[in-house]
N, C-alpha and C. Protein backbone atom coordinates (compact mmCIF):
# COMPACT_ATOMS: atom_id res chain seq x y z
N MET A 1 0.73 -1.08 0.04
CA MET A 1 -0.02 0.09 0.04
C MET A 1 0.93 1.29 0.17
N ARG A 2 2.03 1.11 0.89
CA ARG A 2 2.79 2.24 0.86
C ARG A 2 3.36 2.48 -0.51
N ARG A 3 3.98 1.39 -0.91
CA ARG A 3 4.53 1.47 -2.51
C ARG A 3 3.39 2.22 -3.47
N LEU A 4 2.16 1.85 -3.56
CA LEU A 4 1.31 2.55 -4.34
C LEU A 4 1.13 3.78 -3.90
N LEU A 5 1.23 4.20 -2.76
CA LEU A 5 0.93 5.57 -2.49
C LEU A 5 2.15 6.44 -2.69
N LEU A 6 3.29 6.06 -2.81
CA LEU A 6 4.78 6.59 -3.15
C LEU A 6 4.52 6.80 -4.53
N LEU A 7 4.27 5.83 -5.26
CA LEU A 7 4.37 5.78 -6.71
C LEU A 7 3.35 6.77 -7.22
N VAL A 8 2.19 6.91 -6.86
CA VAL A 8 1.21 7.98 -7.14
C VAL A 8 1.93 9.37 -6.71
N ALA A 9 2.49 9.43 -5.52
CA ALA A 9 3.02 10.77 -5.28
C ALA A 9 4.13 11.13 -6.14
N VAL A 10 4.91 10.40 -6.53
CA VAL A 10 6.14 10.59 -7.61
C VAL A 10 5.57 10.91 -8.94
N LEU A 11 4.40 10.34 -9.36
CA LEU A 11 3.74 10.48 -10.63
C LEU A 11 3.20 11.94 -10.52
N CYS A 12 2.64 12.30 -9.53
CA CYS A 12 1.94 13.65 -9.50
C CYS A 12 3.09 14.76 -9.42
N LEU A 13 4.22 14.59 -8.71
CA LEU A 13 5.27 15.63 -8.73
C LEU A 13 5.86 15.72 -9.92
N GLY A 14 6.05 14.43 -10.71
CA GLY A 14 6.89 14.45 -11.93
C GLY A 14 5.97 15.12 -13.10
N ALA A 15 4.86 15.14 -12.79
CA ALA A 15 3.97 15.67 -13.82
C ALA A 15 3.80 17.40 -13.90
N CYS A 16 4.19 17.87 -12.51
CA CYS A 16 4.28 19.28 -12.27
C CYS A 16 5.68 20.03 -12.78
N HIS A 17 6.52 19.13 -13.00
CA HIS A 17 7.94 19.59 -13.48
C HIS A 17 7.77 20.15 -15.10
N ALA A 18 8.27 21.44 -15.13
CA ALA A 18 8.05 22.07 -16.51
C ALA A 18 9.19 21.73 -17.57
N GLN A 19 8.79 21.66 -18.61
CA GLN A 19 9.75 20.97 -19.56
C GLN A 19 10.58 22.37 -20.27
N PRO A 20 11.83 22.10 -20.41
CA PRO A 20 12.49 23.47 -20.86
C PRO A 20 12.12 23.62 -22.64
N GLU A 21 12.07 24.73 -23.02
CA GLU A 21 11.59 24.99 -24.40
C GLU A 21 13.04 24.74 -25.30
N LEU A 22 13.00 23.67 -25.97
CA LEU A 22 14.18 23.32 -26.94
C LEU A 22 13.94 23.64 -28.19
N ALA A 23 12.69 23.78 -28.82
CA ALA A 23 12.41 23.93 -30.24
C ALA A 23 13.01 25.50 -30.67
N ALA A 24 13.30 25.47 -31.66
CA ALA A 24 13.68 26.81 -32.24
C ALA A 24 12.37 27.56 -32.76
N PRO A 25 12.29 28.69 -32.72
CA PRO A 25 11.38 29.40 -33.10
C PRO A 25 10.91 29.34 -34.43
N ALA A 26 9.72 29.41 -34.86
CA ALA A 26 9.26 29.14 -36.17
C ALA A 26 9.66 30.36 -37.14
N PRO A 27 10.27 30.11 -38.29
CA PRO A 27 10.46 31.16 -39.16
C PRO A 27 9.45 31.87 -39.63
N VAL A 28 9.68 33.16 -39.89
CA VAL A 28 8.66 34.00 -40.50
C VAL A 28 8.79 33.98 -42.03
N ILE A 29 7.81 33.61 -42.51
CA ILE A 29 7.93 33.86 -44.18
C ILE A 29 7.34 35.23 -44.57
N ARG A 30 8.39 35.84 -45.13
CA ARG A 30 8.03 37.19 -45.58
C ARG A 30 7.56 37.39 -47.28
N ARG A 31 7.98 36.48 -47.82
CA ARG A 31 7.76 36.49 -49.33
C ARG A 31 7.56 35.14 -49.95
N VAL A 32 6.78 34.83 -50.51
CA VAL A 32 6.67 33.58 -51.20
C VAL A 32 6.58 33.80 -52.84
N GLU A 33 7.76 33.04 -53.53
CA GLU A 33 7.74 33.37 -54.95
C GLU A 33 7.22 31.75 -55.67
N THR A 34 6.44 31.79 -56.63
CA THR A 34 6.20 30.78 -57.32
C THR A 34 7.05 30.73 -58.61
N VAL A 35 7.65 29.75 -58.98
CA VAL A 35 8.36 29.49 -60.25
C VAL A 35 7.76 28.50 -60.97
N VAL A 36 7.27 28.66 -62.22
CA VAL A 36 6.63 27.73 -63.12
C VAL A 36 7.60 27.42 -64.07
N PRO A 37 8.19 26.48 -64.16
CA PRO A 37 9.11 26.17 -65.44
C PRO A 37 8.22 26.05 -66.81
N ARG A 38 8.93 26.79 -67.69
CA ARG A 38 8.21 26.67 -68.97
C ARG A 38 9.08 26.04 -70.02
N ALA A 39 8.50 25.03 -70.75
CA ALA A 39 9.21 24.37 -71.74
C ALA A 39 8.91 25.01 -73.09
N PRO A 40 9.85 25.17 -74.05
CA PRO A 40 9.53 25.94 -75.28
C PRO A 40 8.57 25.15 -76.13
N GLN A 41 8.02 25.70 -76.99
CA GLN A 41 6.95 25.25 -77.71
C GLN A 41 7.59 24.18 -78.70
N ARG A 42 8.86 24.38 -79.19
CA ARG A 42 9.38 23.37 -80.24
C ARG A 42 9.70 22.04 -79.30
N LEU A 43 9.76 21.86 -77.97
CA LEU A 43 9.96 20.81 -77.35
C LEU A 43 8.61 19.99 -77.00
N ARG A 44 7.52 20.49 -77.37
CA ARG A 44 6.09 20.26 -76.76
C ARG A 44 5.51 19.26 -77.91
N HIS A 45 6.24 19.08 -79.00
CA HIS A 45 5.38 18.34 -80.32
C HIS A 45 6.84 17.41 -80.86
N CYS A 46 6.21 16.29 -81.18
CA CYS A 46 7.10 15.15 -81.74
C CYS A 46 7.02 15.13 -83.06
N ARG A 47 7.95 14.75 -83.93
CA ARG A 47 7.88 14.44 -85.14
C ARG A 47 6.80 13.41 -85.53
N GLY A 48 6.17 13.55 -86.52
CA GLY A 48 5.08 12.63 -86.88
C GLY A 48 5.67 11.42 -87.25
N GLU A 49 4.80 10.29 -86.86
CA GLU A 49 5.05 8.72 -87.45
C GLU A 49 4.59 8.64 -88.84
N PRO A 50 5.34 7.85 -89.60
CA PRO A 50 5.08 7.51 -91.26
C PRO A 50 3.73 6.95 -91.08
N GLU A 51 2.95 7.11 -92.43
CA GLU A 51 1.57 6.58 -92.39
C GLU A 51 1.89 5.12 -92.53
N ILE A 52 1.09 4.25 -92.16
CA ILE A 52 0.92 2.92 -92.21
C ILE A 52 0.94 2.57 -93.88
N LEU A 53 1.47 1.53 -94.20
CA LEU A 53 1.77 1.07 -95.59
C LEU A 53 0.58 0.24 -95.96
N GLY A 54 0.48 0.16 -97.13
CA GLY A 54 -0.77 -0.77 -97.41
C GLY A 54 -0.03 -2.33 -97.57
N GLU A 55 -0.99 -3.28 -97.88
CA GLU A 55 -0.39 -4.57 -98.09
C GLU A 55 0.26 -4.70 -99.36
N ASP A 56 0.20 -3.77 -100.50
CA ASP A 56 1.09 -4.20 -101.70
C ASP A 56 2.36 -3.38 -101.54
N ALA A 57 2.95 -2.94 -100.23
CA ALA A 57 4.02 -2.23 -100.16
C ALA A 57 5.37 -3.10 -100.55
N THR A 58 6.34 -2.53 -100.90
CA THR A 58 7.43 -3.31 -101.47
C THR A 58 8.50 -3.20 -100.13
N GLN A 59 9.77 -3.78 -100.38
CA GLN A 59 10.66 -3.72 -99.53
C GLN A 59 11.24 -2.08 -99.59
N GLY A 60 11.27 -1.80 -100.83
CA GLY A 60 11.72 -0.47 -100.97
C GLY A 60 10.81 0.64 -100.51
N ASP A 61 9.60 0.30 -100.03
CA ASP A 61 8.68 1.10 -99.68
C ASP A 61 8.91 1.11 -97.77
N VAL A 62 9.00 -0.17 -97.54
CA VAL A 62 9.10 -0.50 -96.01
C VAL A 62 10.35 0.28 -95.43
N ALA A 63 11.37 0.22 -95.89
CA ALA A 63 12.80 0.50 -95.59
C ALA A 63 12.69 2.03 -95.27
N PRO A 64 12.24 2.95 -95.98
CA PRO A 64 12.22 4.53 -95.84
C PRO A 64 11.36 4.84 -94.50
N ALA A 65 10.17 4.01 -94.65
CA ALA A 65 9.16 4.12 -93.46
C ALA A 65 9.69 3.84 -92.18
N TYR A 66 10.51 2.80 -92.15
CA TYR A 66 11.30 2.34 -90.79
C TYR A 66 12.12 3.23 -90.40
N VAL A 67 12.76 3.84 -91.17
CA VAL A 67 13.84 4.83 -90.81
C VAL A 67 13.15 5.99 -90.34
N ASP A 68 11.99 6.33 -90.88
CA ASP A 68 11.24 7.71 -90.58
C ASP A 68 10.71 7.34 -89.09
N ALA A 69 10.16 6.07 -88.85
CA ALA A 69 9.64 5.76 -87.69
C ALA A 69 10.94 5.69 -86.61
N LEU A 70 11.97 5.20 -86.82
CA LEU A 70 13.19 5.47 -85.91
C LEU A 70 13.46 6.89 -85.62
N ALA A 71 13.39 7.61 -86.71
CA ALA A 71 13.83 9.20 -86.46
C ALA A 71 12.69 9.75 -85.72
N ALA A 72 11.42 9.39 -85.90
CA ALA A 72 10.41 10.16 -85.18
C ALA A 72 10.45 9.57 -83.54
N GLY A 73 10.95 8.46 -83.29
CA GLY A 73 11.19 7.92 -81.75
C GLY A 73 12.22 8.78 -81.22
N ALA A 74 13.58 8.92 -82.07
CA ALA A 74 14.78 9.50 -81.66
C ALA A 74 14.34 10.94 -81.15
N ASP A 75 13.37 11.58 -82.02
CA ASP A 75 13.02 12.96 -81.97
C ASP A 75 12.37 13.22 -80.68
N CYS A 76 11.39 12.28 -80.25
CA CYS A 76 10.58 12.24 -79.19
C CYS A 76 11.60 12.25 -77.98
N ARG A 77 12.46 11.17 -77.82
CA ARG A 77 13.20 10.86 -76.85
C ARG A 77 14.07 12.10 -76.39
N ARG A 78 14.70 12.62 -77.72
CA ARG A 78 15.44 13.86 -77.59
C ARG A 78 14.87 15.08 -76.86
N LYS A 79 13.58 15.53 -77.39
CA LYS A 79 12.83 16.64 -76.80
C LYS A 79 12.36 16.39 -75.38
N LEU A 80 12.06 14.96 -75.17
CA LEU A 80 11.52 14.70 -73.78
C LEU A 80 12.72 14.70 -72.68
N GLY A 81 14.03 14.56 -73.14
CA GLY A 81 15.12 14.57 -72.37
C GLY A 81 15.44 16.15 -72.13
N ALA A 82 15.18 16.96 -73.18
CA ALA A 82 15.49 18.43 -72.81
C ALA A 82 14.10 18.85 -71.86
N VAL A 83 13.07 18.50 -71.94
CA VAL A 83 12.09 18.82 -71.01
C VAL A 83 12.51 18.48 -69.61
N ASP A 84 12.75 17.24 -69.58
CA ASP A 84 13.15 16.48 -68.26
C ASP A 84 14.32 17.46 -67.61
N ALA A 85 15.32 17.68 -68.54
CA ALA A 85 16.42 18.71 -67.91
C ALA A 85 15.89 19.87 -67.44
N LEU A 86 14.90 20.73 -68.09
CA LEU A 86 14.46 21.86 -67.74
C LEU A 86 13.53 21.73 -66.22
N LEU A 87 12.94 20.74 -66.18
CA LEU A 87 12.07 20.50 -64.99
C LEU A 87 13.18 20.04 -63.86
N THR A 88 14.11 19.35 -64.02
CA THR A 88 14.94 19.04 -63.07
C THR A 88 15.80 20.27 -62.66
N ALA A 89 16.20 21.12 -63.29
CA ALA A 89 16.87 22.34 -63.17
C ALA A 89 15.99 23.26 -62.19
N ALA A 90 14.71 23.32 -62.67
CA ALA A 90 13.87 24.21 -61.86
C ALA A 90 13.52 23.43 -60.42
N GLU A 91 13.49 22.13 -60.50
CA GLU A 91 13.13 21.50 -58.92
C GLU A 91 14.70 21.76 -58.09
N ARG A 92 15.70 21.78 -58.67
CA ARG A 92 16.83 22.01 -57.94
C ARG A 92 16.99 23.57 -57.40
N GLY A 93 16.58 24.40 -58.41
CA GLY A 93 16.40 25.72 -57.90
C GLY A 93 15.47 26.05 -56.91
N ARG A 94 14.57 25.23 -56.91
CA ARG A 94 13.41 25.40 -55.67
C ARG A 94 13.91 25.00 -54.44
N ALA A 95 14.59 23.89 -54.54
CA ALA A 95 15.11 23.16 -53.20
C ALA A 95 16.03 24.06 -52.70
N LYS A 96 16.90 24.91 -53.29
CA LYS A 96 17.93 25.66 -52.55
C LYS A 96 17.44 26.62 -51.27
N PRO A 97 17.94 26.72 -50.20
CA PRO A 97 17.26 27.51 -49.33
C PRO A 97 17.46 29.03 -49.49
């Protein structure tokens, strides 16, 4: 019984102990800047795919269409890489304190 009474007394006294203020004061935000990265219009459109060839297409017709399809894919990958670089640079600039 004494132990229980002692435990209750210690808990009550411990609750009255004030905790020191260790947290830093909250920073005051004086200005907020919003930066919207913009991609140039030329990077927003890819080269068109070649038209689908008919069943009567020869190998001479297929070869240029294949080359054009590869070039269209390479064009899109190049432009997407440029847009990604713009967005990555904007994110890095935003992350700086």
